[in-house]
Amino acid sequence: MKKGICIGSLPGDWPPVKRLALAKEAGFDGVEVNTIHDPGEAERLRQQADAVGLELHSVMDSLHWQCPLSSNDEETRQKGMDSIRTSIRTAQIVGADAVLVVPGVVNEQTTYEQCYANARRSLEELLPAAEDAGVALCLENVWNKFLLSPMEFRGYVDSFGSDYLQSYFDVGNIVLYGFPQHWIRSLGPTLRKVHVKGFDARKRDFCWLLEGTIDWPAVMAALREIGYDGYVTAELPGYPGFAEQMVRDTAAHLDLMFEL
């Protein structure tokens, strides 16, 4: 498995090349970036990553919460789809093989059934662009009140019948209503990327990686059982006043987890 970190977890007030150099120095193999609208900026970031020896392995779409693919409002849905298309272009430029996608959001305006249908229609419309680019759309489990069981999630992904529609599993996001190791086994070969963060079920709150109540030995055993060998990417805030130290500590924490 490879160690990754989200670009938003690197010190936000540092220039990009310094942020990437810190990730490399800390021992990470790759960084997940956000949607980049300027192709020139994306190309510069790739060159900077190449210079320090880092892979930009995935792109986190930036607009899927504000403009969900499941929206009943057509203008909103189209804006969300345009953002995914920009994320696919970003991935092509920086050399990433995946885009993180929140598939839909159930809320007061959008029922579960509407979310299911609208998100499916949007993803079907986006898949040709993803396939042409060689970039997988990876659906992540988030607190969106949608695809709430591992069997439903796996079935939804499988129903598209495409290697370019896969799953992105966030270990910390599932603790309130499931067991990460169960989800990992259910998602099986559809699992393309993994996010990690700590979560304390007693406090019902996120925390740094080795704090909280997550059974990391069980998680790592499940990943190995399904043959997962991709990126495990930390998505965490910096320490107050010492953002760079969180990066170094998290790399060391991932090393410990990989030894389990």
C-alpha atoms as a PDB file:
ATOM      1  CA  MET A   1       0.000   0.000   0.000  1.00  0.00           C
ATOM      2  CA  LYS A   2       1.050   3.591  -0.621  1.00  0.00           C
ATOM      3  CA  LYS A   3       0.908   6.548   1.751  1.00  0.00           C
ATOM      4  CA  GLY A   4      -1.099   9.551   0.576  1.00  0.00           C
ATOM      5  CA  ILE A   5      -2.230  12.849   2.024  1.00  0.00           C
ATOM      6  CA  CYS A   6      -4.797  15.414   0.884  1.00  0.00           C
ATOM      7  CA  ILE A   7      -3.383  18.714  -0.284  1.00  0.00           C
ATOM      8  CA  GLY A   8      -5.781  20.422   2.128  1.00  0.00           C
ATOM      9  CA  SER A   9      -3.970  18.686   4.994  1.00  0.00           C
ATOM     10  CA  LEU A  10      -0.714  20.429   4.096  1.00  0.00           C
ATOM     11  CA  PRO A  11      -0.035  23.927   5.516  1.00  0.00           C
ATOM     12  CA  GLY A  12      -2.464  26.183   3.664  1.00  0.00           C
ATOM     13  CA  ASP A  13      -0.368  29.350   3.872  1.00  0.00           C
ATOM     14  CA  TRP A  14       2.677  27.735   2.226  1.00  0.00           C
ATOM     15  CA  PRO A  15       3.349  27.964  -1.535  1.00  0.00           C
ATOM     16  CA  PRO A  16       2.471  24.760  -3.438  1.00  0.00           C
ATOM     17  CA  VAL A  17       6.049  23.623  -4.046  1.00  0.00           C
ATOM     18  CA  LYS A  18       6.861  23.932  -0.321  1.00  0.00           C
ATOM     19  CA  ARG A  19       3.734  21.991   0.622  1.00  0.00           C
ATOM     20  CA  LEU A  20       4.653  19.189  -1.765  1.00  0.00           C
ATOM     21  CA  ALA A  21       8.251  19.140  -0.539  1.00  0.00           C
ATOM     22  CA  LEU A  22       6.989  18.733   3.035  1.00  0.00           C
ATOM     23  CA  ALA A  23       4.840  15.756   2.017  1.00  0.00           C
ATOM     24  CA  LYS A  24       7.827  14.130   0.321  1.00  0.00           C
ATOM     25  CA  GLU A  25      10.149  14.832   3.244  1.00  0.00           C
ATOM     26  CA  ALA A  26       7.612  13.329   5.648  1.00  0.00           C
ATOM     27  CA  GLY A  27       7.582  10.103   3.636  1.00  0.00           C
ATOM     28  CA  PHE A  28       4.399  10.268   1.576  1.00  0.00           C
ATOM     29  CA  ASP A  29       4.220   8.680  -1.858  1.00  0.00           C
ATOM     30  CA  GLY A  30       1.465  10.864  -3.256  1.00  0.00           C
ATOM     31  CA  VAL A  31      -0.957  13.744  -2.760  1.00  0.00           C
ATOM     32  CA  GLU A  32      -4.636  14.088  -3.542  1.00  0.00           C
ATOM     33  CA  VAL A  33      -5.425  17.492  -5.055  1.00  0.00           C
ATOM     34  CA  ASN A  34      -8.634  19.475  -5.496  1.00  0.00           C
ATOM     35  CA  THR A  35     -10.299  20.506  -8.749  1.00  0.00           C
ATOM     36  CA  ILE A  36      -8.100  22.992 -10.629  1.00  0.00           C
ATOM     37  CA  HIS A  37      -9.890  25.222 -13.145  1.00  0.00           C
ATOM     38  CA  ASP A  38      -6.770  26.700 -14.759  1.00  0.00           C
ATOM     39  CA  PRO A  39      -4.985  24.073 -16.915  1.00  0.00           C
ATOM     40  CA  GLY A  40      -1.757  26.041 -16.603  1.00  0.00           C
ATOM     41  CA  GLU A  41      -1.933  25.889 -12.828  1.00  0.00           C
ATOM     42  CA  ALA A  42      -2.568  22.148 -12.979  1.00  0.00           C
ATOM     43  CA  GLU A  43       0.432  21.645 -15.246  1.00  0.00           C
ATOM     44  CA  ARG A  44       2.677  23.691 -12.938  1.00  0.00           C
ATOM     45  CA  LEU A  45       1.562  21.617  -9.960  1.00  0.00           C
ATOM     46  CA  ARG A  46       2.386  18.422 -11.820  1.00  0.00           C
ATOM     47  CA  GLN A  47       5.828  19.710 -12.694  1.00  0.00           C
ATOM     48  CA  GLN A  48       6.437  20.677  -9.061  1.00  0.00           C
ATOM     49  CA  ALA A  49       5.310  17.237  -7.888  1.00  0.00           C
ATOM     50  CA  ASP A  50       7.568  15.550 -10.437  1.00  0.00           C
ATOM     51  CA  ALA A  51      10.478  17.680  -9.249  1.00  0.00           C
ATOM     52  CA  VAL A  52      10.145  16.504  -5.645  1.00  0.00           C
ATOM     53  CA  GLY A  53       9.276  12.918  -6.582  1.00  0.00           C
ATOM     54  CA  LEU A  54       5.591  12.809  -5.623  1.00  0.00           C
ATOM     55  CA  GLU A  55       2.610  11.340  -7.432  1.00  0.00           C
ATOM     56  CA  LEU A  56      -0.605  13.359  -7.701  1.00  0.00           C
ATOM     57  CA  HIS A  57      -2.750  10.262  -7.536  1.00  0.00           C
ATOM     58  CA  SER A  58      -6.339  11.536  -7.320  1.00  0.00           C
ATOM     59  CA  VAL A  59      -8.556  14.607  -7.553  1.00  0.00           C
ATOM     60  CA  MET A  60     -11.222  15.535  -5.015  1.00  0.00           C
ATOM     61  CA  ASP A  61     -14.065  17.261  -6.813  1.00  0.00           C
ATOM     62  CA  SER A  62     -14.761  20.660  -5.292  1.00  0.00           C
ATOM     63  CA  LEU A  63     -18.447  21.278  -6.036  1.00  0.00           C
ATOM     64  CA  HIS A  64     -20.374  18.053  -5.439  1.00  0.00           C
ATOM     65  CA  TRP A  65     -21.830  19.247  -2.121  1.00  0.00           C
ATOM     66  CA  GLN A  66     -22.960  22.663  -3.344  1.00  0.00           C
ATOM     67  CA  CYS A  67     -24.192  21.351  -6.704  1.00  0.00           C
ATOM     68  CA  PRO A  68     -25.005  17.660  -6.194  1.00  0.00           C
ATOM     69  CA  LEU A  69     -25.404  15.324  -9.124  1.00  0.00           C
ATOM     70  CA  SER A  70     -28.700  14.271  -7.552  1.00  0.00           C
ATOM     71  CA  SER A  71     -30.323  17.708  -7.568  1.00  0.00           C
ATOM     72  CA  ASN A  72     -33.861  18.048  -8.921  1.00  0.00           C
ATOM     73  CA  ASP A  73     -32.899  21.491 -10.204  1.00  0.00           C
ATOM     74  CA  GLU A  74     -31.443  20.966 -13.672  1.00  0.00           C
ATOM     75  CA  GLU A  75     -29.206  24.031 -13.573  1.00  0.00           C
ATOM     76  CA  THR A  76     -27.693  22.876 -10.276  1.00  0.00           C
ATOM     77  CA  ARG A  77     -27.210  19.334 -11.584  1.00  0.00           C
ATOM     78  CA  GLN A  78     -25.493  20.614 -14.719  1.00  0.00           C
ATOM     79  CA  LYS A  79     -23.130  22.783 -12.655  1.00  0.00           C
ATOM     80  CA  GLY A  80     -22.202  19.710 -10.643  1.00  0.00           C
ATOM     81  CA  MET A  81     -21.559  17.729 -13.807  1.00  0.00           C
ATOM     82  CA  ASP A  82     -19.440  20.535 -15.258  1.00  0.00           C
ATOM     83  CA  SER A  83     -17.347  20.461 -12.100  1.00  0.00           C
ATOM     84  CA  ILE A  84     -16.801  16.714 -12.448  1.00  0.00           C
ATOM     85  CA  ARG A  85     -15.732  17.247 -16.062  1.00  0.00           C
ATOM     86  CA  THR A  86     -13.231  19.860 -14.878  1.00  0.00           C
ATOM     87  CA  SER A  87     -12.000  17.393 -12.250  1.00  0.00           C
ATOM     88  CA  ILE A  88     -11.496  14.763 -14.954  1.00  0.00           C
ATOM     89  CA  ARG A  89      -9.464  17.270 -16.972  1.00  0.00           C
ATOM     90  CA  THR A  90      -7.454  18.108 -13.855  1.00  0.00           C
ATOM     91  CA  ALA A  91      -6.735  14.413 -13.337  1.00  0.00           C
ATOM     92  CA  GLN A  92      -5.552  14.046 -16.932  1.00  0.00           C
ATOM     93  CA  ILE A  93      -3.145  16.957 -16.583  1.00  0.00           C
ATOM     94  CA  VAL A  94      -1.665  16.036 -13.195  1.00  0.00           C
ATOM     95  CA  GLY A  95      -1.494  12.303 -13.976  1.00  0.00           C
ATOM     96  CA  ALA A  96      -4.145  11.119 -11.494  1.00  0.00           C
ATOM     97  CA  ASP A  97      -6.149   7.978 -12.193  1.00  0.00           C
ATOM     98  CA  ALA A  98      -9.266   8.819 -10.164  1.00  0.00           C
ATOM     99  CA  VAL A  99     -11.729  11.553  -9.230  1.00  0.00           C
ATOM    100  CA  LEU A 100     -13.467  11.436  -5.850  1.00  0.00           C
ATOM    101  CA  VAL A 101     -17.199  11.929  -6.378  1.00  0.00           C
ATOM    102  CA  VAL A 102     -20.006  12.363  -3.854  1.00  0.00           C
ATOM    103  CA  PRO A 103     -22.712  10.586  -5.871  1.00  0.00           C
ATOM    104  CA  GLY A 104     -25.718  12.381  -4.405  1.00  0.00           C
ATOM    105  CA  VAL A 105     -27.257  14.073  -1.393  1.00  0.00           C
ATOM    106  CA  VAL A 106     -30.605  13.211   0.176  1.00  0.00           C
ATOM    107  CA  ASN A 107     -32.171  16.284   1.804  1.00  0.00           C
ATOM    108  CA  GLU A 108     -35.511  18.027   2.314  1.00  0.00           C
ATOM    109  CA  GLN A 109     -35.748  18.827  -1.388  1.00  0.00           C
ATOM    110  CA  THR A 110     -34.494  15.494  -2.758  1.00  0.00           C
ATOM    111  CA  THR A 111     -35.996  12.161  -1.728  1.00  0.00           C
ATOM    112  CA  TYR A 112     -33.989   8.954  -1.586  1.00  0.00           C
ATOM    113  CA  GLU A 113     -35.620   7.685  -4.758  1.00  0.00           C
ATOM    114  CA  GLN A 114     -34.961  10.959  -6.593  1.00  0.00           C
ATOM    115  CA  CYS A 115     -31.364  10.978  -5.393  1.00  0.00           C
ATOM    116  CA  TYR A 116     -30.877   7.416  -6.620  1.00  0.00           C
ATOM    117  CA  ALA A 117     -32.289   8.143 -10.074  1.00  0.00           C
ATOM    118  CA  ASN A 118     -30.781  11.611 -10.605  1.00  0.00           C
ATOM    119  CA  ALA A 119     -27.320  10.554  -9.480  1.00  0.00           C
ATOM    120  CA  ARG A 120     -27.449   7.520 -11.748  1.00  0.00           C
ATOM    121  CA  ARG A 121     -28.467   9.632 -14.736  1.00  0.00           C
ATOM    122  CA  SER A 122     -25.656  12.098 -14.041  1.00  0.00           C
ATOM    123  CA  LEU A 123     -23.025   9.407 -13.632  1.00  0.00           C
ATOM    124  CA  GLU A 124     -24.132   7.653 -16.818  1.00  0.00           C
ATOM    125  CA  GLU A 125     -23.765  10.946 -18.679  1.00  0.00           C
ATOM    126  CA  LEU A 126     -20.300  11.500 -17.193  1.00  0.00           C
ATOM    127  CA  LEU A 127     -18.910   8.003 -17.703  1.00  0.00           C
ATOM    128  CA  PRO A 128     -17.986   8.394 -21.398  1.00  0.00           C
ATOM    129  CA  ALA A 129     -15.747  11.359 -20.555  1.00  0.00           C
ATOM    130  CA  ALA A 130     -14.130   9.418 -17.718  1.00  0.00           C
ATOM    131  CA  GLU A 131     -13.560   6.368 -19.899  1.00  0.00           C
ATOM    132  CA  ASP A 132     -12.082   8.462 -22.717  1.00  0.00           C
ATOM    133  CA  ALA A 133      -9.708  10.103 -20.230  1.00  0.00           C
ATOM    134  CA  GLY A 134      -8.779   6.838 -18.507  1.00  0.00           C
ATOM    135  CA  VAL A 135      -9.855   8.327 -15.172  1.00  0.00           C
ATOM    136  CA  ALA A 136     -12.132   6.445 -12.765  1.00  0.00           C
ATOM    137  CA  LEU A 137     -15.059   8.143 -11.052  1.00  0.00           C
ATOM    138  CA  CYS A 138     -14.822   6.871  -7.468  1.00  0.00           C
ATOM    139  CA  LEU A 139     -17.914   7.215  -5.278  1.00  0.00           C
ATOM    140  CA  GLU A 140     -17.191   8.008  -1.645  1.00  0.00           C
ATOM    141  CA  ASN A 141     -19.259   7.212   1.433  1.00  0.00           C
ATOM    142  CA  VAL A 142     -20.001  10.507   3.189  1.00  0.00           C
ATOM    143  CA  TRP A 143     -22.691  11.805   5.519  1.00  0.00           C
ATOM    144  CA  ASN A 144     -25.079  12.338   2.614  1.00  0.00           C
ATOM    145  CA  LYS A 145     -27.907  10.002   3.758  1.00  0.00           C
ATOM    146  CA  PHE A 146     -27.451   7.927   0.601  1.00  0.00           C
ATOM    147  CA  LEU A 147     -26.211   4.372  -0.097  1.00  0.00           C
ATOM    148  CA  LEU A 148     -26.253   3.567   3.595  1.00  0.00           C
ATOM    149  CA  SER A 149     -25.337  -0.125   3.567  1.00  0.00           C
ATOM    150  CA  PRO A 150     -22.260  -1.824   2.100  1.00  0.00           C
ATOM    151  CA  MET A 151     -24.359  -4.201   0.008  1.00  0.00           C
ATOM    152  CA  GLU A 152     -26.369  -1.334  -1.480  1.00  0.00           C
ATOM    153  CA  PHE A 153     -23.216   0.661  -2.164  1.00  0.00           C
ATOM    154  CA  ARG A 154     -21.518  -2.288  -3.884  1.00  0.00           C
ATOM    155  CA  GLY A 155     -24.668  -3.050  -5.869  1.00  0.00           C
ATOM    156  CA  TYR A 156     -24.956   0.564  -7.025  1.00  0.00           C
ATOM    157  CA  VAL A 157     -21.342   0.602  -8.212  1.00  0.00           C
ATOM    158  CA  ASP A 158     -21.633  -2.787  -9.931  1.00  0.00           C
ATOM    159  CA  SER A 159     -24.835  -1.772 -11.702  1.00  0.00           C
ATOM    160  CA  PHE A 160     -22.909   0.603 -13.986  1.00  0.00           C
ATOM    161  CA  GLY A 161     -20.797  -2.259 -15.338  1.00  0.00           C
ATOM    162  CA  SER A 162     -17.746  -0.061 -15.895  1.00  0.00           C
ATOM    163  CA  ASP A 163     -14.169  -0.261 -14.625  1.00  0.00           C
ATOM    164  CA  TYR A 164     -14.301   3.540 -14.588  1.00  0.00           C
ATOM    165  CA  LEU A 165     -17.053   3.699 -11.948  1.00  0.00           C
ATOM    166  CA  GLN A 166     -15.542   2.429  -8.697  1.00  0.00           C
ATOM    167  CA  SER A 167     -15.639   3.064  -4.944  1.00  0.00           C
ATOM    168  CA  TYR A 168     -13.620   5.358  -2.681  1.00  0.00           C
ATOM    169  CA  PHE A 169     -13.925   4.211   0.931  1.00  0.00           C
ATOM    170  CA  ASP A 170     -13.503   6.608   3.860  1.00  0.00           C
ATOM    171  CA  VAL A 171     -12.806   4.634   7.037  1.00  0.00           C
ATOM    172  CA  GLY A 172     -13.651   7.424   9.491  1.00  0.00           C
ATOM    173  CA  ASN A 173     -16.892   8.394   7.771  1.00  0.00           C
ATOM    174  CA  ILE A 174     -18.516   5.007   8.355  1.00  0.00           C
ATOM    175  CA  VAL A 175     -18.003   4.525  12.100  1.00  0.00           C
ATOM    176  CA  LEU A 176     -21.332   6.066  13.198  1.00  0.00           C
ATOM    177  CA  TYR A 177     -23.387   3.507  11.296  1.00  0.00           C
ATOM    178  CA  GLY A 178     -21.140   0.617  10.325  1.00  0.00           C
ATOM    179  CA  PHE A 179     -17.889  -1.301  10.753  1.00  0.00           C
ATOM    180  CA  PRO A 180     -15.114  -0.267   8.361  1.00  0.00           C
ATOM    181  CA  GLN A 181     -13.735  -3.778   7.997  1.00  0.00           C
ATOM    182  CA  HIS A 182     -17.165  -5.090   6.955  1.00  0.00           C
ATOM    183  CA  TRP A 183     -17.537  -2.388   4.309  1.00  0.00           C
ATOM    184  CA  ILE A 184     -14.068  -3.059   2.924  1.00  0.00           C
ATOM    185  CA  ARG A 185     -14.863  -6.739   2.385  1.00  0.00           C
ATOM    186  CA  SER A 186     -18.226  -5.898   0.787  1.00  0.00           C
ATOM    187  CA  LEU A 187     -16.743  -3.347  -1.601  1.00  0.00           C
ATOM    188  CA  GLY A 188     -14.031  -5.833  -2.531  1.00  0.00           C
ATOM    189  CA  PRO A 189     -12.591  -5.387  -6.035  1.00  0.00           C
ATOM    190  CA  THR A 190     -14.501  -2.137  -6.622  1.00  0.00           C
ATOM    191  CA  LEU A 191     -12.308  -0.424  -4.008  1.00  0.00           C
ATOM    192  CA  ARG A 192      -9.977   1.943  -5.885  1.00  0.00           C
ATOM    193  CA  LYS A 193      -8.987   4.467  -3.171  1.00  0.00           C
ATOM    194  CA  VAL A 194      -9.095   4.738   0.633  1.00  0.00           C
ATOM    195  CA  HIS A 195      -9.344   7.782   2.922  1.00  0.00           C
ATOM    196  CA  VAL A 196      -8.347   7.587   6.567  1.00  0.00           C
ATOM    197  CA  LYS A 197      -9.005   9.824   9.543  1.00  0.00           C
ATOM    198  CA  GLY A 198      -9.611   9.110  13.210  1.00  0.00           C
ATOM    199  CA  PHE A 199     -13.100   8.915  14.702  1.00  0.00           C
ATOM    200  CA  ASP A 200     -14.150   8.612  18.343  1.00  0.00           C
ATOM    201  CA  ALA A 201     -17.529   6.879  18.547  1.00  0.00           C
ATOM    202  CA  ARG A 202     -17.843   7.818  22.224  1.00  0.00           C
ATOM    203  CA  LYS A 203     -17.658  11.528  21.397  1.00  0.00           C
ATOM    204  CA  ARG A 204     -19.189  11.135  17.934  1.00  0.00           C
ATOM    205  CA  ASP A 205     -16.432  13.278  16.497  1.00  0.00           C
ATOM    206  CA  PHE A 206     -13.433  13.096  14.175  1.00  0.00           C
ATOM    207  CA  CYS A 207      -9.902  13.121  15.551  1.00  0.00           C
ATOM    208  CA  TRP A 208      -6.322  12.516  14.455  1.00  0.00           C
ATOM    209  CA  LEU A 209      -5.386   9.164  13.059  1.00  0.00           C
ATOM    210  CA  LEU A 210      -4.451   6.995  16.039  1.00  0.00           C
ATOM    211  CA  GLU A 211      -6.888   8.599  18.454  1.00  0.00           C
ATOM    212  CA  GLY A 212     -10.481   7.467  18.741  1.00  0.00           C
ATOM    213  CA  THR A 213     -12.113   4.062  18.558  1.00  0.00           C
ATOM    214  CA  ILE A 214     -11.337   2.696  15.080  1.00  0.00           C
ATOM    215  CA  ASP A 215     -10.039  -0.889  15.116  1.00  0.00           C
ATOM    216  CA  TRP A 216      -7.083  -0.290  12.816  1.00  0.00           C
ATOM    217  CA  PRO A 217      -5.754  -3.883  12.987  1.00  0.00           C
ATOM    218  CA  ALA A 218      -9.165  -5.095  11.723  1.00  0.00           C
ATOM    219  CA  VAL A 219      -9.196  -2.437   8.993  1.00  0.00           C
ATOM    220  CA  MET A 220      -5.727  -3.314   7.749  1.00  0.00           C
ATOM    221  CA  ALA A 221      -6.507  -7.041   7.874  1.00  0.00           C
ATOM    222  CA  ALA A 222      -9.593  -6.463   5.706  1.00  0.00           C
ATOM    223  CA  LEU A 223      -7.632  -4.407   3.172  1.00  0.00           C
ATOM    224  CA  ARG A 224      -5.046  -7.157   2.873  1.00  0.00           C
ATOM    225  CA  GLU A 225      -7.741  -9.826   2.643  1.00  0.00           C
ATOM    226  CA  ILE A 226      -9.237  -8.224  -0.477  1.00  0.00           C
ATOM    227  CA  GLY A 227      -5.771  -7.662  -1.959  1.00  0.00           C
ATOM    228  CA  TYR A 228      -5.895  -3.868  -1.767  1.00  0.00           C
ATOM    229  CA  ASP A 229      -2.521  -2.358  -2.660  1.00  0.00           C
ATOM    230  CA  GLY A 230      -3.402   1.233  -3.584  1.00  0.00           C
ATOM    231  CA  TYR A 231      -3.284   4.567  -1.810  1.00  0.00           C
ATOM    232  CA  VAL A 232      -4.320   5.058   1.798  1.00  0.00           C
ATOM    233  CA  THR A 233      -4.757   8.831   1.958  1.00  0.00           C
ATOM    234  CA  ALA A 234      -4.957  10.832   5.168  1.00  0.00           C
ATOM    235  CA  GLU A 235      -7.592  13.577   5.293  1.00  0.00           C
ATOM    236  CA  LEU A 236      -6.887  15.549   8.467  1.00  0.00           C
ATOM    237  CA  PRO A 237      -6.553  19.139   9.704  1.00  0.00           C
ATOM    238  CA  GLY A 238      -3.201  20.500  10.838  1.00  0.00           C
ATOM    239  CA  TYR A 239      -2.376  20.911  14.487  1.00  0.00           C
ATOM    240  CA  PRO A 240      -3.198  24.404  15.816  1.00  0.00           C
ATOM    241  CA  GLY A 241      -0.047  26.418  15.194  1.00  0.00           C
ATOM    242  CA  PHE A 242       1.979  23.375  14.082  1.00  0.00           C
ATOM    243  CA  ALA A 243       0.372  22.248  10.852  1.00  0.00           C
ATOM    244  CA  GLU A 244       3.592  20.831   9.450  1.00  0.00           C
ATOM    245  CA  GLN A 245       4.113  18.529  12.444  1.00  0.00           C
ATOM    246  CA  MET A 246       0.749  16.861  11.843  1.00  0.00           C
ATOM    247  CA  VAL A 247       2.017  15.886   8.391  1.00  0.00           C
ATOM    248  CA  ARG A 248       5.134  14.233   9.829  1.00  0.00           C
ATOM    249  CA  ASP A 249       3.211  12.533  12.632  1.00  0.00           C
ATOM    250  CA  THR A 250       0.568  11.200  10.246  1.00  0.00           C
ATOM    251  CA  ALA A 251       3.228   9.675   7.982  1.00  0.00           C
ATOM    252  CA  ALA A 252       4.661   7.904  11.024  1.00  0.00           C
ATOM    253  CA  HIS A 253       1.179   6.754  12.078  1.00  0.00           C
ATOM    254  CA  LEU A 254       0.561   5.278   8.630  1.00  0.00           C
ATOM    255  CA  ASP A 255       3.877   3.430   8.868  1.00  0.00           C
ATOM    256  CA  LEU A 256       2.691   1.844  12.110  1.00  0.00           C
ATOM    257  CA  MET A 257      -0.644   0.904  10.537  1.00  0.00           C
ATOM    258  CA  PHE A 258       1.050  -0.661   7.521  1.00  0.00           C
ATOM    259  CA  GLU A 259       3.034  -2.903   9.891  1.00  0.00           C
ATOM    260  CA  LEU A 260      -0.154  -4.318  11.478  1.00  0.00           C
END
